[in-house]
């Protein structure tokens, strides 16, 4: 191909290399110049133009692109019309794009003038989505280069669409005491939507206690009903091959194939099989509709692509996905060396029903109302701000805290349960806090040094986004939650707190052994209060 600037007299039939705008002229590049075009250019005062002229053995860009597009087309991929040396390929249906990276590289190395660009391997596509494009860079390419590319495509197709196939899935969820029904309902809804987006159907959703025997029985029931895919969502995240979910799968006759994946979120996914059919132990991020590691595995299975342990272990490159609200994430605005900012939230709105009459928070210990002991300990710690949620006898509780630098929040819905006070307190926290200590107002023996130990252990960037004090291996209060969990905490309903999140996000939890029974002591009965006052 000849290329360069020539006088108008020599440009007839050539291809315009650059667009021209002048009085009475608006020609785009790639235009084959006619006699009339040359007259218009002359009238506009243009004497020379840059053109390309094909020689024997050259193939025009559109013809070359069309021939390559036809060779790339398949039952799942459709080639569009050629224009400006380009042909786009579109998906004929919904599925995953399979890309042979080596074959694409070999194609692109034939000649710099011939290029093929694709979506990443295993991209999920919908009908008519563009999945690849062939682009001829100059206005023509040598026939020998085109022939070499066509030979490669004939030898080894670099692209294919793996269509999603109809399938039926069953979901089994386990629950612990205090697991909110709303959380289970959300998981079922999100799972149903995830499955239906892939053309499948959720055949059933069942729930059972978070115990190996109960889950084994639920798996056996699903097996008898039949499924193409079984999904198991544990109330507590899977942390080991000997945990509840994998133990139940094996007890039901299944086989564990792989645990864990280098995709985040999605680290704690479990791949198993039962009677040759896939079984997935779901990571905690399954409760979010946002794309995560579960989708990477689920989509391949639905598209009929076998998933091996090696496949999962090769997912690390590109496996750091966008953050989702329900998982901890580093605070981008804070320098790495800065300390996290932790607020304290005191729940002081309850009716003290188990105390049998008086408001326990106003009962005195050592000459001071119980609630004031708790708040003064928090004010002596690093926690700031300290927010106190009041409700029942709110004015009296506020008076008990007179002259203390706390923020009081009134919960008008306190009679509906603890969750309403939790929500009211979270709404009062400033945007810049990284976490919150949820404190019960009937734990007067908790001290400022103990609180500071919990804050010191808090480090969301290193997977320590929930901090729980323990004594002798038993978990107590207060519990520190990272901001990433605030959305989930706001969704809780009824007379329960956020402790179920400890099981759902076990991979983000750190326990601090205090050796201090104060973290286990709450004074909610006359007997416990009498014992405490006698001890004091």
Protein backbone atom coordinates (compact mmCIF):
# COMPACT_ATOMS: atom_id res chain seq x y z
CA UNK A 1 0.00 0.00 0.00
CA UNK A 2 1.29 3.44 -0.97
CA UNK A 3 0.73 6.23 1.53
CA UNK A 4 1.57 9.92 1.44
CA UNK A 5 0.66 13.41 0.31
CA UNK A 6 0.00 13.85 -3.43
CA UNK A 7 -1.36 16.61 -5.70
CA UNK A 8 -5.08 16.50 -6.36
CA UNK A 9 -4.39 15.42 -9.93
CA UNK A 10 -2.92 12.14 -8.64
CA UNK A 11 -5.52 11.43 -5.94
CA UNK A 12 -8.40 10.09 -8.02
CA UNK A 13 -9.63 6.72 -6.70
CA UNK A 14 -7.32 6.86 -3.67
CA UNK A 15 -8.45 6.60 -0.04
CA UNK A 16 -8.43 9.81 1.98
CA UNK A 17 -6.11 9.32 4.96
CA UNK A 18 -7.25 12.28 7.07
CA UNK A 19 -10.57 14.05 7.36
CA UNK A 20 -10.89 17.44 5.67
CA UNK A 21 -13.17 20.31 6.59
CA UNK A 22 -13.20 23.39 4.39
CA UNK A 23 -15.81 25.69 2.79
CA UNK A 24 -18.19 23.35 0.94
CA UNK A 25 -16.19 20.24 2.00
CA UNK A 26 -16.65 17.80 4.91
CA UNK A 27 -14.89 14.56 3.99
CA UNK A 28 -14.06 11.88 6.53
CA UNK A 29 -10.98 9.73 6.42
CA UNK A 30 -11.38 6.49 4.50
CA UNK A 31 -13.41 8.14 1.73
CA UNK A 32 -12.51 6.94 -1.76
CA UNK A 33 -12.02 10.15 -3.70
CA UNK A 34 -14.09 10.62 -6.87
CA UNK A 35 -13.66 13.18 -9.64
CA UNK A 36 -16.43 15.26 -8.07
CA UNK A 37 -14.64 15.13 -4.71
CA UNK A 38 -11.44 16.43 -6.30
CA UNK A 39 -13.34 19.34 -7.91
CA UNK A 40 -14.85 20.27 -4.52
CA UNK A 41 -11.44 20.19 -2.90
CA UNK A 42 -9.99 22.38 -5.64
CA UNK A 43 -12.79 24.94 -5.20
CA UNK A 44 -11.97 25.00 -1.46
CA UNK A 45 -8.40 25.95 -2.32
CA UNK A 46 -6.86 22.61 -1.35
CA UNK A 47 -3.99 21.53 -3.61
CA UNK A 48 -2.60 18.38 -1.92
CA UNK A 49 -4.15 15.57 0.14
CA UNK A 50 -2.73 12.63 2.08
CA UNK A 51 -4.06 9.37 0.66
CA UNK A 52 -3.56 5.62 0.66
CA UNK A 53 -3.56 3.63 -2.55
CA UNK A 54 -3.84 -0.17 -2.60
CA UNK A 55 -1.36 -2.26 -4.53
CA UNK A 56 -1.60 -5.81 -5.90
CA UNK A 57 -1.77 -8.25 -2.97
CA UNK A 58 -3.46 -5.73 -0.65
CA UNK A 59 -6.91 -6.35 0.88
CA UNK A 60 -9.10 -3.37 1.76
CA UNK A 61 -9.67 -2.90 5.51
CA UNK A 62 -13.41 -3.60 5.39
CA UNK A 63 -13.01 -6.76 3.33
CA UNK A 64 -10.27 -8.03 5.62
CA UNK A 65 -12.30 -7.28 8.76
CA UNK A 66 -15.40 -8.94 7.29
CA UNK A 67 -13.51 -12.15 6.44
CA UNK A 68 -11.98 -12.33 9.91
CA UNK A 69 -15.33 -11.59 11.58
CA UNK A 70 -16.97 -14.42 9.63
CA UNK A 71 -14.20 -16.80 10.72
CA UNK A 72 -14.66 -15.83 14.39
CA UNK A 73 -18.45 -16.18 14.30
CA UNK A 74 -20.03 -19.27 15.84
CA UNK A 75 -23.49 -20.38 17.03
CA UNK A 76 -22.96 -18.27 20.16
CA UNK A 77 -21.19 -15.30 18.54
CA UNK A 78 -22.48 -13.11 15.73
CA UNK A 79 -20.33 -10.84 13.57
CA UNK A 80 -21.61 -7.40 12.61
CA UNK A 81 -21.10 -5.52 9.37
CA UNK A 82 -17.66 -4.19 8.53
CA UNK A 83 -17.09 -0.42 8.70
CA UNK A 84 -13.88 1.61 8.90
CA UNK A 85 -11.89 -1.59 9.10
CA UNK A 86 -13.79 -2.88 12.13
CA UNK A 87 -16.12 -5.80 12.80
CA UNK A 88 -17.70 -6.26 16.23
CA UNK A 89 -18.76 -9.63 17.60
CA UNK A 90 -21.84 -9.90 19.81
CA UNK A 91 -23.21 -12.62 22.06
CA UNK A 92 -26.14 -14.53 20.62
CA UNK A 93 -27.41 -15.38 24.12
CA UNK A 94 -26.65 -15.15 27.83
CA UNK A 95 -23.59 -16.96 29.09
CA UNK A 96 -19.87 -16.79 29.78
CA UNK A 97 -17.29 -15.79 27.22
CA UNK A 98 -14.54 -18.37 26.91
CA UNK A 99 -11.27 -16.87 25.72
CA UNK A 100 -8.19 -18.82 24.66
CA UNK A 101 -5.57 -16.28 25.67
CA UNK A 102 -2.75 -18.06 23.83
CA UNK A 103 -4.76 -18.23 20.60
CA UNK A 104 -5.58 -14.51 20.82
CA UNK A 105 -1.92 -13.69 21.40
CA UNK A 106 -0.84 -15.78 18.39
CA UNK A 107 -3.42 -14.00 16.23
CA UNK A 108 -2.26 -10.54 17.31
CA UNK A 109 1.38 -11.38 16.67
CA UNK A 110 0.91 -12.13 12.95
CA UNK A 111 0.89 -8.51 11.79
CA UNK A 112 0.68 -5.23 13.69
CA UNK A 113 -2.00 -4.14 11.24
CA UNK A 114 -4.47 -6.86 12.31
CA UNK A 115 -5.84 -6.79 15.87
CA UNK A 116 -8.34 -8.70 17.97
CA UNK A 117 -9.56 -7.33 21.33
CA UNK A 118 -11.85 -9.28 23.68
CA UNK A 119 -13.59 -9.03 27.03
CA UNK A 120 -11.74 -10.77 29.90
CA UNK A 121 -12.08 -14.56 30.06
CA UNK A 122 -15.29 -15.79 31.70
CA UNK A 123 -17.04 -12.44 31.40
CA UNK A 124 -20.77 -12.77 31.94
CA UNK A 125 -22.63 -11.44 28.91
CA UNK A 126 -26.23 -10.90 27.88
CA UNK A 127 -27.71 -11.26 24.38
CA UNK A 128 -26.34 -8.64 21.95
CA UNK A 129 -23.48 -7.63 24.28
CA UNK A 130 -20.29 -6.86 22.38
CA UNK A 131 -17.65 -9.41 23.33
CA UNK A 132 -14.82 -8.74 20.86
CA UNK A 133 -13.75 -6.50 18.01
CA UNK A 134 -11.51 -7.01 14.98
CA UNK A 135 -9.79 -3.85 13.84
CA UNK A 136 -7.60 -3.39 10.80
CA UNK A 137 -5.27 -0.51 11.68
CA UNK A 138 -4.29 0.84 8.22
CA UNK A 139 -6.53 1.06 5.16
CA UNK A 140 -5.38 -2.28 3.79
CA UNK A 141 -3.38 -5.35 4.79
CA UNK A 142 -1.30 -7.82 2.77
CA UNK A 143 -3.22 -10.87 1.63
CA UNK A 144 -0.50 -13.12 3.10
CA UNK A 145 -1.02 -11.67 6.61
CA UNK A 146 -4.77 -12.05 6.32
CA UNK A 147 -4.36 -15.65 5.17
CA UNK A 148 -2.08 -16.42 8.11
CA UNK A 149 -4.66 -15.07 10.60
CA UNK A 150 -7.46 -17.04 8.94
CA UNK A 151 -5.38 -20.20 9.13
CA UNK A 152 -4.89 -19.72 12.86
CA UNK A 153 -8.62 -19.24 13.38
CA UNK A 154 -9.33 -22.38 11.40
CA UNK A 155 -6.84 -24.31 13.51
CA UNK A 156 -7.94 -23.04 16.95
CA UNK A 157 -10.94 -20.86 17.72
CA UNK A 158 -9.95 -18.22 20.29
CA UNK A 159 -13.52 -17.34 21.34
CA UNK A 160 -16.65 -19.25 22.29
CA UNK A 161 -19.81 -18.57 24.26
CA UNK A 162 -20.75 -21.03 26.99
CA UNK A 163 -24.51 -20.44 27.31
CA UNK A 164 -26.25 -20.58 30.66
CA UNK A 165 -28.39 -23.68 30.99
CA UNK A 166 -31.69 -23.99 32.87
CA UNK A 167 -31.10 -25.38 36.36
CA UNK A 168 -32.86 -25.91 39.65
CA UNK A 169 -31.18 -25.03 42.95
CA UNK A 170 -32.07 -25.61 46.56
CA UNK A 171 -30.96 -23.41 49.44
CA UNK A 172 -30.50 -24.54 53.03
CA UNK A 173 -29.79 -21.94 55.71
CA UNK A 174 -28.70 -22.65 59.25
CA UNK A 175 -29.55 -20.47 62.18
CA UNK A 176 -28.20 -19.77 65.64
CA UNK A 177 -30.16 -18.43 68.61
CA UNK A 178 -30.71 -14.75 67.89
CA UNK A 179 -30.26 -15.00 64.12
CA UNK A 180 -32.86 -12.49 62.85
CA UNK A 181 -35.56 -13.80 60.54
CA UNK A 182 -35.05 -10.67 58.44
CA UNK A 183 -31.43 -11.66 57.75
CA UNK A 184 -32.50 -15.14 56.63
CA UNK A 185 -35.24 -13.67 54.47
CA UNK A 186 -32.76 -11.29 52.86
CA UNK A 187 -30.37 -14.14 52.11
CA UNK A 188 -33.17 -16.12 50.48
CA UNK A 189 -34.23 -13.12 48.40
CA UNK A 190 -30.73 -12.25 47.25
CA UNK A 191 -30.03 -15.90 46.41
CA UNK A 192 -33.24 -16.23 44.42
CA UNK A 193 -32.42 -13.10 42.43
CA UNK A 194 -28.84 -14.30 41.82
CA UNK A 195 -30.11 -17.64 40.51
CA UNK A 196 -32.87 -16.16 38.37
CA UNK A 197 -30.40 -13.75 36.72
CA UNK A 198 -28.63 -16.85 35.42
CA UNK A 199 -31.83 -18.40 34.09
CA UNK A 200 -32.30 -20.82 36.97
CA UNK A 201 -35.00 -21.41 39.57
CA UNK A 202 -34.78 -21.64 43.34
CA UNK A 203 -36.78 -24.81 43.99
CA UNK A 204 -36.87 -24.51 47.77
CA UNK A 205 -35.43 -22.68 50.76
CA UNK A 206 -35.23 -24.51 54.09
CA UNK A 207 -33.80 -23.64 57.49
CA UNK A 208 -32.36 -25.71 60.30
CA UNK A 209 -30.25 -25.27 63.45
CA UNK A 210 -26.53 -24.63 62.95
CA UNK A 211 -25.58 -28.14 64.01
CA UNK A 212 -23.99 -30.95 61.95
CA UNK A 213 -26.80 -33.44 62.58
CA UNK A 214 -29.59 -31.03 61.66
CA UNK A 215 -27.81 -29.84 58.52
CA UNK A 216 -27.01 -33.42 57.49
CA UNK A 217 -30.72 -34.21 57.65
CA UNK A 218 -31.56 -31.09 55.61
CA UNK A 219 -29.02 -32.09 52.95
CA UNK A 220 -30.49 -35.59 52.81
CA UNK A 221 -33.96 -34.09 52.34
CA UNK A 222 -32.73 -31.92 49.46
CA UNK A 223 -31.05 -34.96 47.94
CA UNK A 224 -34.30 -36.92 47.98
CA UNK A 225 -36.12 -34.02 46.30
CA UNK A 226 -33.49 -33.63 43.59
CA UNK A 227 -31.44 -30.63 42.51
CA UNK A 228 -28.91 -29.46 39.96
CA UNK A 229 -27.15 -27.30 42.54
CA UNK A 230 -27.27 -27.23 46.35
CA UNK A 231 -26.39 -24.04 48.23
CA UNK A 232 -25.65 -24.05 51.96
CA UNK A 233 -25.60 -20.75 53.85
CA UNK A 234 -24.33 -21.16 57.40
CA UNK A 235 -25.32 -18.84 60.24
CA UNK A 236 -21.63 -18.87 61.09
CA UNK A 237 -18.99 -18.51 58.38
CA UNK A 238 -17.03 -21.65 57.47
CA UNK A 239 -13.54 -21.38 58.96
CA UNK A 240 -12.19 -24.92 58.59
CA UNK A 241 -12.80 -28.18 56.71
CA UNK A 242 -14.00 -29.61 60.03
CA UNK A 243 -16.60 -26.90 60.58
CA UNK A 244 -20.36 -27.52 60.68
CA UNK A 245 -21.12 -27.17 56.94
CA UNK A 246 -18.33 -29.41 55.58
CA UNK A 247 -18.92 -31.97 58.33
CA UNK A 248 -22.60 -32.17 57.38
CA UNK A 249 -21.81 -32.53 53.67
CA UNK A 250 -19.50 -35.47 54.33
CA UNK A 251 -21.93 -37.06 56.78
CA UNK A 252 -24.59 -36.91 54.05
CA UNK A 253 -22.29 -38.79 51.65
CA UNK A 254 -20.76 -35.81 49.86
CA UNK A 255 -17.12 -34.99 49.14
CA UNK A 256 -15.26 -31.76 49.88
CA UNK A 257 -13.26 -30.71 46.83
CA UNK A 258 -11.83 -27.33 47.85
CA UNK A 259 -12.11 -24.79 50.65
CA UNK A 260 -11.21 -21.12 50.22
CA UNK A 261 -10.47 -19.01 47.19
CA UNK A 262 -8.13 -16.12 46.30
CA UNK A 263 -11.08 -13.84 45.56
CA UNK A 264 -12.11 -11.10 47.96
CA UNK A 265 -14.95 -10.90 48.88
CA UNK A 266 -15.59 -14.62 48.68
CA UNK A 267 -12.58 -16.09 50.51
CA UNK A 268 -14.58 -18.62 52.54
CA UNK A 269 -16.33 -20.44 49.69
CA UNK A 270 -16.52 -24.23 49.92
CA UNK A 271 -16.71 -26.41 46.79
CA UNK A 272 -18.14 -29.90 47.25
CA UNK A 273 -20.18 -32.50 45.39
CA UNK A 274 -22.92 -34.95 46.20
CA UNK A 275 -23.83 -37.72 43.75
CA UNK A 276 -21.82 -35.91 41.08
CA UNK A 277 -23.77 -32.68 41.54
CA UNK A 278 -22.19 -29.46 42.83
CA UNK A 279 -22.68 -28.30 46.40
CA UNK A 280 -21.48 -24.86 47.49
CA UNK A 281 -20.89 -23.75 51.07
CA UNK A 282 -21.56 -20.03 50.73
CA UNK A 283 -19.30 -17.26 52.04
CA UNK A 284 -20.82 -14.48 54.15
CA UNK A 285 -20.83 -12.13 51.14
CA UNK A 286 -23.58 -14.28 49.59
CA UNK A 287 -26.00 -12.05 51.49
CA UNK A 288 -25.02 -9.12 49.28
CA UNK A 289 -26.29 -8.80 45.69
CA UNK A 290 -22.96 -7.29 44.65
CA UNK A 291 -20.61 -9.39 42.56
CA UNK A 292 -18.26 -11.57 44.58
CA UNK A 293 -16.34 -14.84 44.39
CA UNK A 294 -19.53 -16.90 44.62
CA UNK A 295 -20.64 -15.48 41.28
CA UNK A 296 -17.37 -16.51 39.61
CA UNK A 297 -17.92 -20.16 40.55
CA UNK A 298 -21.70 -20.20 40.20
CA UNK A 299 -21.61 -18.77 36.67
CA UNK A 300 -19.14 -21.36 35.45
CA UNK A 301 -21.18 -24.21 36.88
CA UNK A 302 -24.38 -22.91 35.29
CA UNK A 303 -22.60 -22.53 31.95
CA UNK A 304 -21.56 -26.17 32.05
CA UNK A 305 -17.89 -25.39 32.74
CA UNK A 306 -16.30 -27.75 35.23
CA UNK A 307 -14.72 -26.01 38.21
CA UNK A 308 -11.67 -27.75 39.67
CA UNK A 309 -9.62 -26.82 42.73
CA UNK A 310 -6.89 -25.67 40.34
CA UNK A 311 -9.38 -23.37 38.57
CA UNK A 312 -10.23 -21.72 41.88
CA UNK A 313 -6.60 -21.33 42.88
CA UNK A 314 -5.91 -19.55 39.57
CA UNK A 315 -8.54 -16.86 40.26
CA UNK A 316 -6.23 -14.64 42.29
CA UNK A 317 -5.19 -12.31 39.47
CA UNK A 318 -8.12 -9.91 39.22
CA UNK A 319 -9.65 -11.48 42.31
CA UNK A 320 -9.58 -8.32 44.42
CA UNK A 321 -13.11 -7.12 43.74
CA UNK A 322 -14.94 -3.92 44.62
CA UNK A 323 -15.87 -3.48 48.26
CA UNK A 324 -19.39 -4.28 49.42
CA UNK A 325 -21.21 -2.66 52.36
CA UNK A 326 -21.34 -5.85 54.43
CA UNK A 327 -17.59 -6.39 54.68
CA UNK A 328 -14.84 -4.41 56.33
CA UNK A 329 -12.66 -2.22 54.21
CA UNK A 330 -9.74 0.10 54.89
CA UNK A 331 -10.65 3.74 55.37
CA UNK A 332 -9.15 5.44 52.32
CA UNK A 333 -9.19 8.89 53.86
CA UNK A 334 -7.09 7.89 56.89
CA UNK A 335 -3.31 7.50 56.66
CA UNK A 336 -2.23 3.89 57.37
CA UNK A 337 -0.49 4.85 60.60
CA UNK A 338 -3.44 6.74 62.08
CA UNK A 339 -5.42 5.20 64.92
CA UNK A 340 -8.99 4.15 64.19
CA UNK A 341 -11.72 6.35 65.56
CA UNK A 342 -14.09 4.39 67.75
CA UNK A 343 -17.32 5.67 69.25
CA UNK A 344 -19.23 4.17 72.17
CA UNK A 345 -22.95 3.47 72.03
CA UNK A 346 -24.72 2.83 75.35
CA UNK A 347 -28.11 1.14 75.11
CA UNK A 348 -30.08 2.53 78.04
CA UNK A 349 -33.69 2.57 76.83
CA UNK A 350 -35.06 -0.75 78.16
CA UNK A 351 -37.87 -1.35 80.63
CA UNK A 352 -35.88 -3.66 82.99
CA UNK A 353 -38.66 -6.26 82.91
CA UNK A 354 -36.53 -9.01 84.46
CA UNK A 355 -35.71 -6.75 87.40
CA UNK A 356 -39.36 -6.97 88.44
CA UNK A 357 -40.26 -3.29 88.85
CA UNK A 358 -37.57 -0.65 89.28
CA UNK A 359 -35.46 0.71 86.43
CA UNK A 360 -32.24 -1.21 87.03
CA UNK A 361 -30.11 1.47 85.38
CA UNK A 362 -31.02 3.89 88.16
CA UNK A 363 -30.26 1.48 91.00
CA UNK A 364 -27.22 2.62 92.95
CA UNK A 365 -23.97 0.73 93.39
CA UNK A 366 -21.47 2.40 95.67
CA UNK A 367 -23.66 5.48 95.85
CA UNK A 368 -23.85 5.94 92.08
CA UNK A 369 -26.51 4.91 89.50
CA UNK A 370 -25.51 1.82 87.55
CA UNK A 371 -25.71 3.58 84.19
CA UNK A 372 -23.32 6.29 85.39
CA UNK A 373 -20.67 3.69 86.25
CA UNK A 374 -20.79 2.45 82.62
CA UNK A 375 -20.70 5.91 81.05
CA UNK A 376 -17.87 7.19 83.26
CA UNK A 377 -15.75 4.17 82.31
CA UNK A 378 -16.32 4.93 78.64
CA UNK A 379 -15.47 8.62 79.11
CA UNK A 380 -12.21 7.59 80.77
CA UNK A 381 -11.32 5.46 77.73
CA UNK A 382 -10.25 6.36 74.18
CA UNK A 383 -13.80 5.96 72.85
CA UNK A 384 -15.30 9.17 71.43
CA UNK A 385 -18.01 10.27 71.14
CA UNK A 386 -20.08 8.52 73.78
CA UNK A 387 -23.72 8.26 72.70
CA UNK A 388 -26.41 7.14 75.15
CA UNK A 389 -29.79 6.00 73.82
CA UNK A 390 -32.64 6.54 76.27
CA UNK A 391 -36.30 5.57 76.16
CA UNK A 392 -38.05 4.19 79.23
CA UNK A 393 -37.86 6.86 81.96
CA UNK A 394 -35.57 8.79 79.66
CA UNK A 395 -35.62 11.98 81.73
CA UNK A 396 -34.54 10.14 84.88
CA UNK A 397 -31.74 8.34 83.03
CA UNK A 398 -30.57 11.67 81.59
CA UNK A 399 -30.60 13.19 85.08
CA UNK A 400 -28.42 10.31 86.33
CA UNK A 401 -25.86 11.36 83.72
CA UNK A 402 -25.98 15.05 84.53
CA UNK A 403 -22.86 17.08 83.69
CA UNK A 404 -21.22 14.22 81.76
CA UNK A 405 -20.07 15.09 78.19
CA UNK A 406 -22.25 12.58 76.38
CA UNK A 407 -24.74 12.83 73.53
CA UNK A 408 -28.24 11.75 74.54
CA UNK A 409 -30.53 10.26 71.90
CA UNK A 410 -34.17 9.52 72.62
CA UNK A 411 -35.65 6.36 71.10
CA UNK A 412 -39.43 6.79 70.84
CA UNK A 413 -39.76 3.17 69.65
CA UNK A 414 -37.88 1.56 72.54
CA UNK A 415 -40.87 -0.64 73.42
CA UNK A 416 -40.40 -2.48 70.10
CA UNK A 417 -37.12 -3.95 71.24
CA UNK A 418 -33.37 -3.57 71.51
CA UNK A 419 -32.88 -3.33 67.74
CA UNK A 420 -34.64 0.04 67.62
CA UNK A 421 -32.23 1.54 70.14
CA UNK A 422 -29.30 0.14 68.19
CA UNK A 423 -30.61 1.77 65.03
CA UNK A 424 -31.24 5.12 66.75
CA UNK A 425 -27.73 5.15 68.17
CA UNK A 426 -26.06 4.27 64.86
CA UNK A 427 -27.94 7.09 63.16
CA UNK A 428 -26.49 9.54 65.67
CA UNK A 429 -22.85 8.61 65.06
CA UNK A 430 -20.67 11.01 63.07
CA UNK A 431 -19.57 9.95 59.59
CA UNK A 432 -15.87 9.96 60.46
CA UNK A 433 -15.96 7.14 63.04
CA UNK A 434 -14.45 3.81 61.98
CA UNK A 435 -16.24 1.64 64.49
CA UNK A 436 -18.55 1.55 67.49
CA UNK A 437 -18.47 -0.20 70.86
CA UNK A 438 -21.99 -1.42 71.59
CA UNK A 439 -22.29 -1.27 75.36
CA UNK A 440 -24.98 -2.55 77.69
CA UNK A 441 -25.87 -0.12 80.44
CA UNK A 442 -26.11 -2.81 83.14
CA UNK A 443 -22.40 -3.82 83.16
CA UNK A 444 -20.96 -1.52 85.87
CA UNK A 445 -17.70 -3.45 86.36
CA UNK A 446 -16.34 -2.88 82.84
CA UNK A 447 -13.35 -0.54 83.09
CA UNK A 448 -11.64 2.02 80.87
CA UNK A 449 -8.41 -0.05 80.51
CA UNK A 450 -10.46 -3.03 79.36
CA UNK A 451 -12.26 -0.86 76.81
CA UNK A 452 -8.96 0.48 75.52
CA UNK A 453 -7.69 -3.08 75.04
CA UNK A 454 -10.63 -3.78 72.74
CA UNK A 455 -9.99 -0.59 70.77
CA UNK A 456 -6.28 -1.46 70.46
CA UNK A 457 -7.21 -4.83 68.90
CA UNK A 458 -9.47 -3.21 66.31
CA UNK A 459 -7.86 -3.13 62.84
CA UNK A 460 -10.28 -3.60 59.91
CA UNK A 461 -7.51 -3.43 57.31
CA UNK A 462 -6.02 -6.59 58.81
CA UNK A 463 -9.23 -8.56 59.19
CA UNK A 464 -9.95 -7.47 62.79
CA UNK A 465 -13.21 -5.66 62.18
CA UNK A 466 -15.21 -7.18 65.07
CA UNK A 467 -13.63 -7.32 68.52
CA UNK A 468 -15.15 -9.46 71.28
CA UNK A 469 -13.93 -9.71 74.89
CA UNK A 470 -13.76 -13.17 76.43
CA UNK A 471 -13.23 -14.58 79.89
CA UNK A 472 -12.25 -18.22 80.23
CA UNK A 473 -13.16 -18.73 76.57
CA UNK A 474 -16.69 -17.34 76.99
CA UNK A 475 -17.68 -14.34 74.88
CA UNK A 476 -18.97 -11.24 76.63
CA UNK A 477 -19.63 -7.53 76.15
CA UNK A 478 -19.11 -4.84 74.97
CA UNK A 479 -18.53 -5.76 71.31
CA UNK A 480 -16.77 -3.46 68.84
CA UNK A 481 -18.10 -3.43 65.26
CA UNK A 482 -16.45 -1.77 62.25
CA UNK A 483 -18.37 0.75 60.15
CA UNK A 484 -18.70 -1.80 57.35
CA UNK A 485 -21.30 -3.62 59.47
CA UNK A 486 -23.48 -0.60 60.26
CA UNK A 487 -25.84 -1.31 57.34
CA UNK A 488 -26.42 -4.89 58.51
CA UNK A 489 -26.92 -3.71 62.08
CA UNK A 490 -29.60 -1.25 60.96
CA UNK A 491 -31.57 -4.10 59.36
CA UNK A 492 -31.99 -6.03 62.63
CA UNK A 493 -35.52 -6.13 64.02
CA UNK A 494 -37.14 -7.13 67.29
CA UNK A 495 -35.68 -7.40 70.78
CA UNK A 496 -32.24 -8.62 69.68
CA UNK A 497 -28.85 -7.02 69.20
CA UNK A 498 -26.11 -7.64 66.65
CA UNK A 499 -24.43 -10.72 68.14
CA UNK A 500 -25.52 -12.95 65.24
CA UNK A 501 -23.01 -11.06 63.10
CA UNK A 502 -20.24 -12.73 65.08
CA UNK A 503 -21.10 -16.00 63.38
CA UNK A 504 -21.82 -14.57 59.97
CA UNK A 505 -18.47 -12.79 59.78
CA UNK A 506 -16.21 -15.08 61.80
CA UNK A 507 -13.33 -14.43 59.41
CA UNK A 508 -13.34 -10.75 60.48
CA UNK A 509 -13.58 -11.38 64.22
CA UNK A 510 -10.87 -11.24 66.87
CA UNK A 511 -11.34 -12.38 70.46
CA UNK A 512 -9.53 -10.60 73.30
CA UNK A 513 -9.08 -12.84 76.34
CA UNK A 514 -9.43 -10.46 79.29
CA UNK A 515 -9.49 -12.85 82.23
CA UNK A 516 -12.01 -10.40 83.69
CA UNK A 517 -15.49 -11.76 84.61
CA UNK A 518 -16.81 -8.20 84.29
CA UNK A 519 -17.32 -8.81 80.56
CA UNK A 520 -19.77 -11.62 81.39
CA UNK A 521 -21.70 -9.85 84.16
CA UNK A 522 -24.92 -8.00 83.42
CA UNK A 523 -27.23 -7.10 86.28
CA UNK A 524 -30.70 -7.76 84.93
CA UNK A 525 -32.33 -9.67 87.82
CA UNK A 526 -32.86 -8.86 91.51
CA UNK A 527 -30.60 -11.79 92.42
CA UNK A 528 -27.68 -10.62 90.28
CA UNK A 529 -28.02 -7.07 91.55
CA UNK A 530 -28.17 -8.19 95.19
CA UNK A 531 -25.05 -10.34 94.72
CA UNK A 532 -23.22 -7.41 93.17
CA UNK A 533 -24.11 -4.96 95.92
CA UNK A 534 -23.06 -7.49 98.55
CA UNK A 535 -19.74 -7.96 96.75
CA UNK A 536 -19.24 -4.20 96.53
